[in-house]
Amino acid sequence: MGIWIGLAVAAAAAGAFTVSRPFPYIAPFIVLPLAAVALLAAVSPVWRAALLGAPTQLLIGLNVNRIFGVFFLLLAATGRLSGPFPASAGWGDIAVGFLAIPALWLAARPARGGRSLISAWNTLGALDLIVAIALGVASAPGSPLQIFDAYPGSTALQLLPWALIASVLVPLYLVLHVIRFAQLRATTTHGACGPVLTRAV
């Protein structure tokens, strides 16, 4: 993580994220962490077991910080973001962050329907990130995928410190959601909120 953050800071400081042709250069910083975790899980039983054994409360609790999605709304209010992106990313993150609190409560104790509710929250959290990525790219000036041309679009997220949201936090949260999906799939006790695993697969 330290190396990845350092690379993201260096790339943003060098202006790499402001170049969007022939493709958004920030894209590898979103995709590569996911690919690296998937590769580790596929080739290493030790890593696979470690990922599936990650505490549920930790995976969910880290998402509480997404209530700071309010910064998207503040950036839009000051004219540094525009289009549908800041509202979607801001309110989406705020909702996921606040809903992580009752999800933590459900994860801490077995409750009827708790597993399904946590799965629904996890799906919401992942979809929020996917939609935010799509709208961010579609709002980036100069992007070949730009749809919304209201300036400044998502320009602020190409510059420090906000560039670390897309290059570090988004892939991190996506990895957390994917791990939780894998845990839910691997559970053998229906209705249990924790990762009760039969084998590391």
Protein backbone atom coordinates (compact mmCIF):
# COMPACT_ATOMS: atom_id res chain seq x y z
CA MET A 1 0.00 0.00 0.00
CA GLY A 2 2.82 2.38 0.82
CA ILE A 3 4.48 1.78 -2.55
CA TRP A 4 1.14 2.19 -4.33
CA ILE A 5 0.38 5.48 -2.58
CA GLY A 6 3.86 6.73 -3.44
CA LEU A 7 3.36 5.88 -7.12
CA ALA A 8 -0.04 7.58 -7.11
CA VAL A 9 1.35 10.74 -5.53
CA ALA A 10 4.26 10.83 -7.98
CA ALA A 11 1.98 10.30 -10.99
CA ALA A 12 -0.46 12.98 -9.87
CA ALA A 13 2.34 15.45 -9.08
CA ALA A 14 3.80 14.85 -12.55
CA GLY A 15 0.45 15.66 -14.13
CA ALA A 16 -0.05 12.16 -15.54
CA PHE A 17 -3.72 12.07 -14.55
CA THR A 18 -4.51 15.26 -16.44
CA VAL A 19 -3.61 13.52 -19.71
CA SER A 20 -6.62 11.56 -20.92
CA ARG A 21 -5.58 10.46 -24.39
CA PRO A 22 -5.63 7.89 -25.82
CA PHE A 23 -7.25 6.69 -22.59
CA PRO A 24 -7.64 8.01 -19.02
CA TYR A 25 -4.23 7.44 -17.46
CA ILE A 26 -5.75 7.09 -14.02
CA ALA A 27 -7.47 3.86 -15.17
CA PRO A 28 -4.47 1.56 -14.46
CA PHE A 29 -4.37 2.83 -10.88
CA ILE A 30 -7.93 1.59 -10.45
CA VAL A 31 -7.61 -1.69 -12.33
CA LEU A 32 -4.15 -2.95 -11.34
CA PRO A 33 -4.79 -3.30 -7.57
CA LEU A 34 -7.89 -5.39 -8.31
CA ALA A 35 -5.95 -7.53 -10.79
CA ALA A 36 -3.07 -7.97 -8.32
CA VAL A 37 -5.37 -9.15 -5.52
CA ALA A 38 -7.22 -11.49 -7.90
CA LEU A 39 -3.90 -12.94 -9.10
CA LEU A 40 -2.65 -13.47 -5.56
CA ALA A 41 -5.89 -15.21 -4.59
CA ALA A 42 -5.74 -17.40 -7.69
CA VAL A 43 -2.13 -18.59 -7.38
CA SER A 44 -1.51 -18.61 -3.62
CA PRO A 45 -3.60 -20.66 -1.18
CA VAL A 46 -1.97 -18.74 1.67
CA TRP A 47 -3.02 -15.36 0.31
CA ARG A 48 -6.46 -16.72 -0.58
CA ALA A 49 -6.99 -17.98 2.96
CA ALA A 50 -5.72 -14.71 4.42
CA LEU A 51 -8.08 -12.63 2.28
CA LEU A 52 -11.09 -14.82 3.04
CA GLY A 53 -10.16 -14.76 6.73
CA ALA A 54 -10.11 -10.96 6.96
CA PRO A 55 -12.41 -9.83 9.83
CA THR A 56 -15.85 -8.86 8.59
CA GLN A 57 -16.01 -5.92 10.99
CA LEU A 58 -12.77 -4.54 9.54
CA LEU A 59 -13.98 -4.84 5.94
CA ILE A 60 -17.21 -3.05 6.80
CA GLY A 61 -15.81 -0.60 9.34
CA LEU A 62 -13.29 0.92 6.93
CA ASN A 63 -16.23 2.00 4.78
CA VAL A 64 -17.54 4.29 7.54
CA ASN A 65 -14.92 6.76 6.36
CA ARG A 66 -16.89 7.16 3.15
CA ILE A 67 -19.12 9.67 4.93
CA PHE A 68 -16.33 12.08 3.96
CA GLY A 69 -17.87 11.91 0.50
CA VAL A 70 -19.30 15.22 1.65
CA PHE A 71 -16.11 16.71 0.20
CA PHE A 72 -17.44 15.96 -3.29
CA LEU A 73 -20.44 18.14 -2.50
CA LEU A 74 -18.23 20.90 -1.11
CA LEU A 75 -16.01 20.84 -4.19
CA ALA A 76 -19.11 21.11 -6.38
CA ALA A 77 -20.41 24.00 -4.26
CA THR A 78 -17.16 25.90 -4.81
CA GLY A 79 -17.21 25.26 -8.57
CA ARG A 80 -14.34 22.76 -8.63
CA LEU A 81 -16.53 19.85 -9.74
CA SER A 82 -19.56 19.87 -12.02
CA GLY A 83 -22.01 17.62 -13.80
CA PRO A 84 -23.71 14.57 -12.25
CA PHE A 85 -20.48 13.13 -10.85
CA PRO A 86 -20.13 15.03 -7.53
CA ALA A 87 -23.76 14.50 -6.50
CA SER A 88 -23.65 10.79 -7.30
CA ALA A 89 -20.25 10.17 -5.71
CA GLY A 90 -20.95 12.44 -2.73
CA TRP A 91 -24.40 11.28 -1.70
CA GLY A 92 -23.59 7.69 -2.64
CA ASP A 93 -20.52 7.60 -0.40
CA ILE A 94 -22.35 9.33 2.44
CA ALA A 95 -25.17 6.77 2.27
CA VAL A 96 -22.77 3.81 2.15
CA GLY A 97 -20.72 5.24 5.02
CA PHE A 98 -23.70 5.76 7.30
CA LEU A 99 -25.25 2.39 6.40
CA ALA A 100 -21.93 0.74 7.29
CA ILE A 101 -22.73 1.50 10.95
CA PRO A 102 -25.83 -0.76 11.17
CA ALA A 103 -24.00 -3.27 8.95
CA LEU A 104 -21.27 -3.38 11.61
CA TRP A 105 -23.92 -4.03 14.25
CA LEU A 106 -25.32 -6.92 12.19
CA ALA A 107 -21.85 -8.35 11.62
CA ALA A 108 -21.16 -8.38 15.36
CA ARG A 109 -24.10 -10.66 16.20
CA PRO A 110 -26.08 -13.37 14.41
CA ALA A 111 -29.48 -12.05 13.42
CA ARG A 112 -32.23 -13.29 11.14
CA GLY A 113 -31.69 -11.78 7.73
CA GLY A 114 -28.43 -10.15 8.79
CA ARG A 115 -26.40 -11.92 6.13
CA SER A 116 -28.77 -10.78 3.38
CA LEU A 117 -28.75 -7.19 4.63
CA ILE A 118 -24.96 -7.10 4.72
CA SER A 119 -24.87 -8.54 1.22
CA ALA A 120 -27.27 -5.81 0.05
CA TRP A 121 -25.12 -3.12 1.69
CA ASN A 122 -22.00 -4.60 0.08
CA THR A 123 -23.66 -4.56 -3.34
CA LEU A 124 -24.73 -0.95 -2.84
CA GLY A 125 -21.20 0.05 -1.84
CA ALA A 126 -19.63 -1.60 -4.88
CA LEU A 127 -22.21 -0.16 -7.30
CA ASP A 128 -21.67 3.33 -5.85
CA LEU A 129 -17.98 3.10 -6.70
CA ILE A 130 -18.59 1.70 -10.19
CA VAL A 131 -21.10 4.45 -11.01
CA ALA A 132 -18.75 7.10 -9.61
CA ILE A 133 -15.89 5.82 -11.79
CA ALA A 134 -18.10 5.85 -14.89
CA LEU A 135 -19.41 9.36 -14.23
CA GLY A 136 -15.94 10.63 -13.34
CA VAL A 137 -14.49 9.41 -16.63
CA ALA A 138 -17.52 10.68 -18.56
CA SER A 139 -17.03 14.12 -16.96
CA ALA A 140 -13.25 14.40 -17.44
CA PRO A 141 -12.32 17.20 -19.90
CA GLY A 142 -10.32 15.79 -22.78
CA SER A 143 -11.27 12.18 -22.09
CA PRO A 144 -12.20 10.21 -25.22
CA LEU A 145 -15.10 8.89 -23.16
CA GLN A 146 -16.32 12.34 -22.10
CA ILE A 147 -20.11 12.73 -22.27
CA PHE A 148 -20.75 15.63 -19.88
CA ASP A 149 -18.97 18.73 -21.14
CA ALA A 150 -19.83 21.16 -18.33
CA TYR A 151 -16.45 22.48 -17.16
CA PRO A 152 -14.67 21.71 -14.84
CA GLY A 153 -16.26 18.25 -14.75
CA SER A 154 -14.12 15.92 -12.64
CA THR A 155 -10.91 17.91 -13.17
CA ALA A 156 -10.27 18.33 -9.43
CA LEU A 157 -9.80 14.56 -9.05
CA GLN A 158 -6.88 14.68 -11.47
CA LEU A 159 -4.91 16.89 -9.07
CA LEU A 160 -3.49 16.37 -5.59
CA PRO A 161 -4.73 15.71 -3.00
CA TRP A 162 -8.05 14.66 -4.55
CA ALA A 163 -6.36 12.41 -7.13
CA LEU A 164 -5.65 9.96 -4.32
CA ILE A 165 -9.38 9.28 -4.04
CA ALA A 166 -9.53 7.63 -7.47
CA SER A 167 -6.02 6.17 -7.50
CA VAL A 168 -5.88 4.80 -3.94
CA LEU A 169 -9.19 4.87 -2.05
CA VAL A 170 -11.49 3.67 -4.85
CA PRO A 171 -9.44 0.53 -5.64
CA LEU A 172 -9.00 -0.14 -1.92
CA TYR A 173 -12.74 -0.01 -1.26
CA LEU A 174 -13.44 -2.13 -4.35
CA VAL A 175 -11.01 -4.76 -3.05
CA LEU A 176 -12.77 -4.72 0.34
CA HIS A 177 -16.15 -5.26 -1.33
CA VAL A 178 -14.83 -8.08 -3.52
CA ILE A 179 -13.33 -9.83 -0.48
CA ARG A 180 -16.66 -9.53 1.35
CA PHE A 181 -18.49 -10.97 -1.67
CA ALA A 182 -16.07 -13.91 -1.64
CA GLN A 183 -16.60 -14.42 2.09
CA LEU A 184 -20.38 -14.39 1.72
CA ARG A 185 -20.13 -16.95 -1.05
CA ALA A 186 -17.87 -19.16 1.05
CA THR A 187 -19.96 -19.13 4.21
CA THR A 188 -21.57 -22.42 5.16
CA THR A 189 -23.75 -21.25 8.03
CA HIS A 190 -26.73 -19.44 6.52
CA GLY A 191 -27.55 -16.26 8.33
CA ALA A 192 -24.07 -15.95 9.89
CA CYS A 193 -22.50 -12.55 9.44
CA GLY A 194 -18.92 -13.62 9.96
CA PRO A 195 -16.71 -15.53 7.54
CA VAL A 196 -17.42 -19.18 8.47
CA LEU A 197 -15.43 -21.02 5.82
CA THR A 198 -15.29 -24.61 4.78
CA ARG A 199 -12.12 -24.17 2.78
CA ALA A 200 -10.05 -21.36 1.32
CA VAL A 201 -11.48 -21.09 -2.18
